[in-house]
């Protein structure tokens, strides 16, 4: 049995939805990401990316949030299949 692939928000394509598994680290950036609502179990949708891929626009908890690619790479997620999204 294979383990699921570890993805981060930086890996998720625009239009795709994912569930946050964890924020990596315990430094000030990790704390700030959690303060912005990126907490375990939350559903997040990638709305879009800037032309060069950075920043990434997200929809979470009813608001829009933009993160740099490096910040998004600190948030581990589990991608949802289209049939899982309500």
N, C-alpha and C. Protein backbone atom coordinates (compact mmCIF):
# COMPACT_ATOMS: atom_id res chain seq x y z
N UNK A 1 0.85 -1.19 0.00
CA UNK A 1 0.00 0.00 0.00
C UNK A 1 0.88 1.23 0.00
N UNK A 2 0.69 2.13 -0.94
CA UNK A 2 1.53 3.33 -1.03
C UNK A 2 0.97 4.45 -0.18
N UNK A 3 1.87 5.29 0.33
CA UNK A 3 1.44 6.42 1.13
C UNK A 3 1.03 7.55 0.21
N UNK A 4 0.13 8.43 0.67
CA UNK A 4 -0.30 9.53 -0.19
C UNK A 4 0.85 10.50 -0.45
N UNK A 5 0.84 11.11 -1.62
CA UNK A 5 1.87 12.08 -1.97
C UNK A 5 1.69 13.32 -1.12
N UNK A 6 2.80 13.81 -0.57
CA UNK A 6 2.74 15.03 0.22
C UNK A 6 2.71 16.23 -0.72
N UNK A 7 1.67 17.00 -0.60
CA UNK A 7 1.50 18.20 -1.42
C UNK A 7 1.51 19.42 -0.52
N UNK A 8 1.82 20.55 -1.10
CA UNK A 8 1.69 21.82 -0.40
C UNK A 8 0.76 22.71 -1.21
N UNK A 9 0.37 23.82 -0.63
CA UNK A 9 -0.48 24.77 -1.38
C UNK A 9 0.22 25.26 -2.64
N UNK A 10 1.53 25.29 -2.65
CA UNK A 10 2.27 25.72 -3.84
C UNK A 10 2.09 24.74 -5.00
N UNK A 11 1.70 23.49 -4.71
CA UNK A 11 1.53 22.45 -5.74
C UNK A 11 0.13 22.38 -6.32
N UNK A 12 -0.83 23.04 -5.68
CA UNK A 12 -2.24 22.92 -6.07
C UNK A 12 -2.54 23.85 -7.24
N UNK A 13 -3.25 23.34 -8.22
CA UNK A 13 -3.58 24.11 -9.43
C UNK A 13 -4.76 25.04 -9.17
N UNK A 14 -4.83 26.16 -9.89
CA UNK A 14 -5.99 27.05 -9.78
C UNK A 14 -7.29 26.29 -10.04
N UNK A 15 -8.28 26.56 -9.19
CA UNK A 15 -9.57 25.90 -9.29
C UNK A 15 -9.68 24.65 -8.43
N UNK A 16 -8.55 24.14 -7.97
CA UNK A 16 -8.54 22.92 -7.17
C UNK A 16 -8.74 23.26 -5.69
N UNK A 17 -9.36 22.34 -4.97
CA UNK A 17 -9.63 22.50 -3.55
C UNK A 17 -8.81 21.47 -2.77
N UNK A 18 -8.39 21.86 -1.56
CA UNK A 18 -7.60 20.97 -0.72
C UNK A 18 -7.96 21.19 0.74
N UNK A 19 -7.60 20.21 1.56
CA UNK A 19 -7.78 20.30 3.01
C UNK A 19 -6.40 20.44 3.64
N UNK A 20 -6.25 21.41 4.52
CA UNK A 20 -4.96 21.65 5.16
C UNK A 20 -4.67 20.53 6.16
N UNK A 21 -3.45 19.98 6.07
CA UNK A 21 -3.01 18.95 7.00
C UNK A 21 -2.16 19.54 8.12
N UNK A 22 -1.26 20.45 7.76
CA UNK A 22 -0.40 21.08 8.76
C UNK A 22 0.33 22.27 8.16
N UNK A 23 0.74 23.16 9.05
CA UNK A 23 1.64 24.24 8.68
C UNK A 23 3.01 23.82 9.18
N UNK A 24 3.99 23.81 8.29
CA UNK A 24 5.32 23.32 8.60
C UNK A 24 6.11 24.39 9.36
N UNK A 25 6.70 23.99 10.47
CA UNK A 25 7.56 24.87 11.25
C UNK A 25 6.87 25.44 12.47
N UNK A 26 7.67 26.11 13.29
CA UNK A 26 7.14 26.75 14.49
C UNK A 26 7.73 28.15 14.67
N UNK A 27 8.16 28.73 13.56
CA UNK A 27 8.73 30.08 13.60
C UNK A 27 7.63 31.13 13.41
N UNK A 28 8.02 32.38 13.32
CA UNK A 28 7.06 33.49 13.19
C UNK A 28 6.22 33.38 11.93
N UNK A 29 6.79 32.88 10.84
CA UNK A 29 6.03 32.76 9.59
C UNK A 29 4.93 31.70 9.75
N UNK A 30 5.25 30.57 10.36
CA UNK A 30 4.25 29.52 10.58
C UNK A 30 3.12 30.03 11.47
N UNK A 31 3.47 30.75 12.51
CA UNK A 31 2.46 31.31 13.41
C UNK A 31 1.58 32.29 12.66
N UNK A 32 2.17 33.14 11.84
CA UNK A 32 1.40 34.13 11.07
C UNK A 32 0.46 33.45 10.08
N UNK A 33 0.91 32.38 9.42
CA UNK A 33 0.05 31.65 8.50
C UNK A 33 -1.17 31.09 9.24
N UNK A 34 -0.95 30.55 10.43
CA UNK A 34 -2.07 30.03 11.21
C UNK A 34 -3.00 31.15 11.68
N UNK A 35 -2.44 32.31 12.02
CA UNK A 35 -3.26 33.46 12.41
C UNK A 35 -4.14 33.94 11.26
N UNK A 36 -3.69 33.71 10.02
CA UNK A 36 -4.46 34.12 8.85
C UNK A 36 -5.54 33.09 8.50
N UNK A 37 -5.67 32.03 9.31
CA UNK A 37 -6.74 31.06 9.10
C UNK A 37 -6.32 29.75 8.47
N UNK A 38 -5.04 29.58 8.19
CA UNK A 38 -4.56 28.35 7.58
C UNK A 38 -4.27 27.33 8.67
N UNK A 39 -5.33 26.69 9.14
CA UNK A 39 -5.21 25.74 10.24
C UNK A 39 -5.64 24.34 9.79
N UNK A 40 -5.19 23.35 10.54
CA UNK A 40 -5.49 21.95 10.22
C UNK A 40 -6.98 21.73 10.03
N UNK A 41 -7.33 21.02 8.97
CA UNK A 41 -8.72 20.66 8.70
C UNK A 41 -9.51 21.67 7.88
N UNK A 42 -8.98 22.88 7.69
CA UNK A 42 -9.69 23.89 6.89
C UNK A 42 -9.61 23.55 5.41
N UNK A 43 -10.68 23.86 4.70
CA UNK A 43 -10.72 23.68 3.26
C UNK A 43 -10.29 24.98 2.60
N UNK A 44 -9.43 24.86 1.60
CA UNK A 44 -8.90 26.02 0.89
C UNK A 44 -8.98 25.75 -0.61
N UNK A 45 -9.30 26.79 -1.38
CA UNK A 45 -9.37 26.67 -2.84
C UNK A 45 -8.37 27.65 -3.45
N UNK A 46 -7.60 27.17 -4.41
CA UNK A 46 -6.68 28.05 -5.13
C UNK A 46 -7.48 28.76 -6.21
N UNK A 47 -7.59 30.08 -6.07
CA UNK A 47 -8.36 30.90 -7.01
C UNK A 47 -7.55 31.17 -8.27
N UNK A 48 -6.28 31.50 -8.09
CA UNK A 48 -5.45 31.80 -9.25
C UNK A 48 -4.03 32.11 -8.85
N UNK A 49 -3.22 32.35 -9.87
CA UNK A 49 -1.81 32.70 -9.68
C UNK A 49 -1.48 33.90 -10.55
N UNK A 50 -0.54 34.68 -10.09
CA UNK A 50 -0.05 35.79 -10.90
C UNK A 50 0.64 35.22 -12.14
N UNK A 51 0.82 36.02 -13.18
CA UNK A 51 1.40 35.52 -14.44
C UNK A 51 2.72 34.76 -14.28
N UNK A 52 3.57 35.15 -13.34
CA UNK A 52 4.83 34.45 -13.14
C UNK A 52 4.72 33.40 -12.02
N UNK A 53 3.49 33.13 -11.54
CA UNK A 53 3.27 32.09 -10.55
C UNK A 53 3.35 32.53 -9.11
N UNK A 54 3.65 33.79 -8.88
CA UNK A 54 3.82 34.28 -7.52
C UNK A 54 3.28 35.69 -7.43
N UNK A 55 2.33 36.03 -6.60
CA UNK A 55 1.74 35.25 -5.52
C UNK A 55 0.61 34.33 -5.99
N UNK A 56 0.10 33.56 -5.01
CA UNK A 56 -1.01 32.63 -5.23
C UNK A 56 -2.21 33.17 -4.47
N UNK A 57 -3.37 33.26 -5.15
CA UNK A 57 -4.59 33.74 -4.50
C UNK A 57 -5.41 32.54 -4.03
N UNK A 58 -5.82 32.59 -2.75
CA UNK A 58 -6.57 31.50 -2.13
C UNK A 58 -7.92 32.01 -1.65
N UNK A 59 -8.86 31.10 -1.51
CA UNK A 59 -10.13 31.39 -0.88
C UNK A 59 -10.24 30.45 0.32
N UNK A 60 -10.37 31.04 1.51
CA UNK A 60 -10.45 30.26 2.74
C UNK A 60 -11.31 31.00 3.74
N UNK A 61 -12.17 30.30 4.43
CA UNK A 61 -13.02 30.87 5.49
C UNK A 61 -13.83 32.08 5.02
N UNK A 62 -14.21 32.09 3.74
CA UNK A 62 -15.05 33.16 3.21
C UNK A 62 -14.32 34.42 2.79
N UNK A 63 -12.98 34.40 2.75
CA UNK A 63 -12.25 35.57 2.28
C UNK A 63 -11.13 35.15 1.36
N UNK A 64 -10.56 36.11 0.66
CA UNK A 64 -9.46 35.86 -0.27
C UNK A 64 -8.15 36.20 0.42
N UNK A 65 -7.13 35.41 0.15
CA UNK A 65 -5.82 35.57 0.75
C UNK A 65 -4.77 35.33 -0.32
N UNK A 66 -3.77 36.17 -0.38
CA UNK A 66 -2.67 35.98 -1.31
C UNK A 66 -1.40 35.65 -0.53
N UNK A 67 -0.71 34.60 -0.98
CA UNK A 67 0.54 34.17 -0.35
C UNK A 67 1.63 34.07 -1.39
N UNK A 68 2.85 34.33 -0.96
CA UNK A 68 4.00 34.06 -1.82
C UNK A 68 4.16 32.55 -1.93
N UNK A 69 4.78 32.13 -3.02
CA UNK A 69 4.98 30.71 -3.27
C UNK A 69 5.75 30.04 -2.12
N UNK A 70 6.75 30.72 -1.59
CA UNK A 70 7.53 30.17 -0.48
C UNK A 70 6.69 29.97 0.77
N UNK A 71 5.76 30.87 1.01
CA UNK A 71 4.85 30.73 2.16
C UNK A 71 3.88 29.58 1.91
N UNK A 72 3.33 29.50 0.71
CA UNK A 72 2.39 28.43 0.37
C UNK A 72 3.04 27.06 0.48
N UNK A 73 4.34 26.98 0.23
CA UNK A 73 5.07 25.72 0.32
C UNK A 73 5.20 25.24 1.76
N UNK A 74 4.87 26.11 2.73
CA UNK A 74 4.94 25.73 4.15
C UNK A 74 3.63 25.12 4.65
N UNK A 75 2.62 25.02 3.77
CA UNK A 75 1.31 24.50 4.17
C UNK A 75 1.07 23.17 3.46
N UNK A 76 1.12 22.08 4.22
CA UNK A 76 0.85 20.75 3.65
C UNK A 76 -0.65 20.55 3.52
N UNK A 77 -1.05 19.96 2.40
CA UNK A 77 -2.47 19.77 2.13
C UNK A 77 -2.72 18.39 1.55
N UNK A 78 -3.99 18.03 1.57
CA UNK A 78 -4.47 16.83 0.88
C UNK A 78 -5.45 17.32 -0.17
N UNK A 79 -5.14 17.11 -1.43
CA UNK A 79 -6.00 17.57 -2.52
C UNK A 79 -7.33 16.82 -2.48
N UNK A 80 -8.40 17.51 -2.79
CA UNK A 80 -9.72 16.90 -2.84
C UNK A 80 -10.07 16.59 -4.29
N UNK A 81 -10.74 15.47 -4.48
CA UNK A 81 -11.24 15.14 -5.81
C UNK A 81 -12.46 15.99 -6.07
N UNK A 82 -12.77 16.21 -7.34
CA UNK A 82 -13.94 17.03 -7.70
C UNK A 82 -15.21 16.47 -7.09
N UNK A 83 -15.32 15.17 -6.93
CA UNK A 83 -16.52 14.56 -6.36
C UNK A 83 -16.62 14.78 -4.85
N UNK A 84 -15.48 15.13 -4.20
CA UNK A 84 -15.46 15.37 -2.75
C UNK A 84 -15.90 16.77 -2.38
N UNK A 85 -15.88 17.70 -3.33
CA UNK A 85 -16.17 19.10 -3.06
C UNK A 85 -17.67 19.31 -3.05
N UNK A 86 -18.16 20.00 -1.99
CA UNK A 86 -19.60 20.27 -1.89
C UNK A 86 -19.90 21.69 -2.24
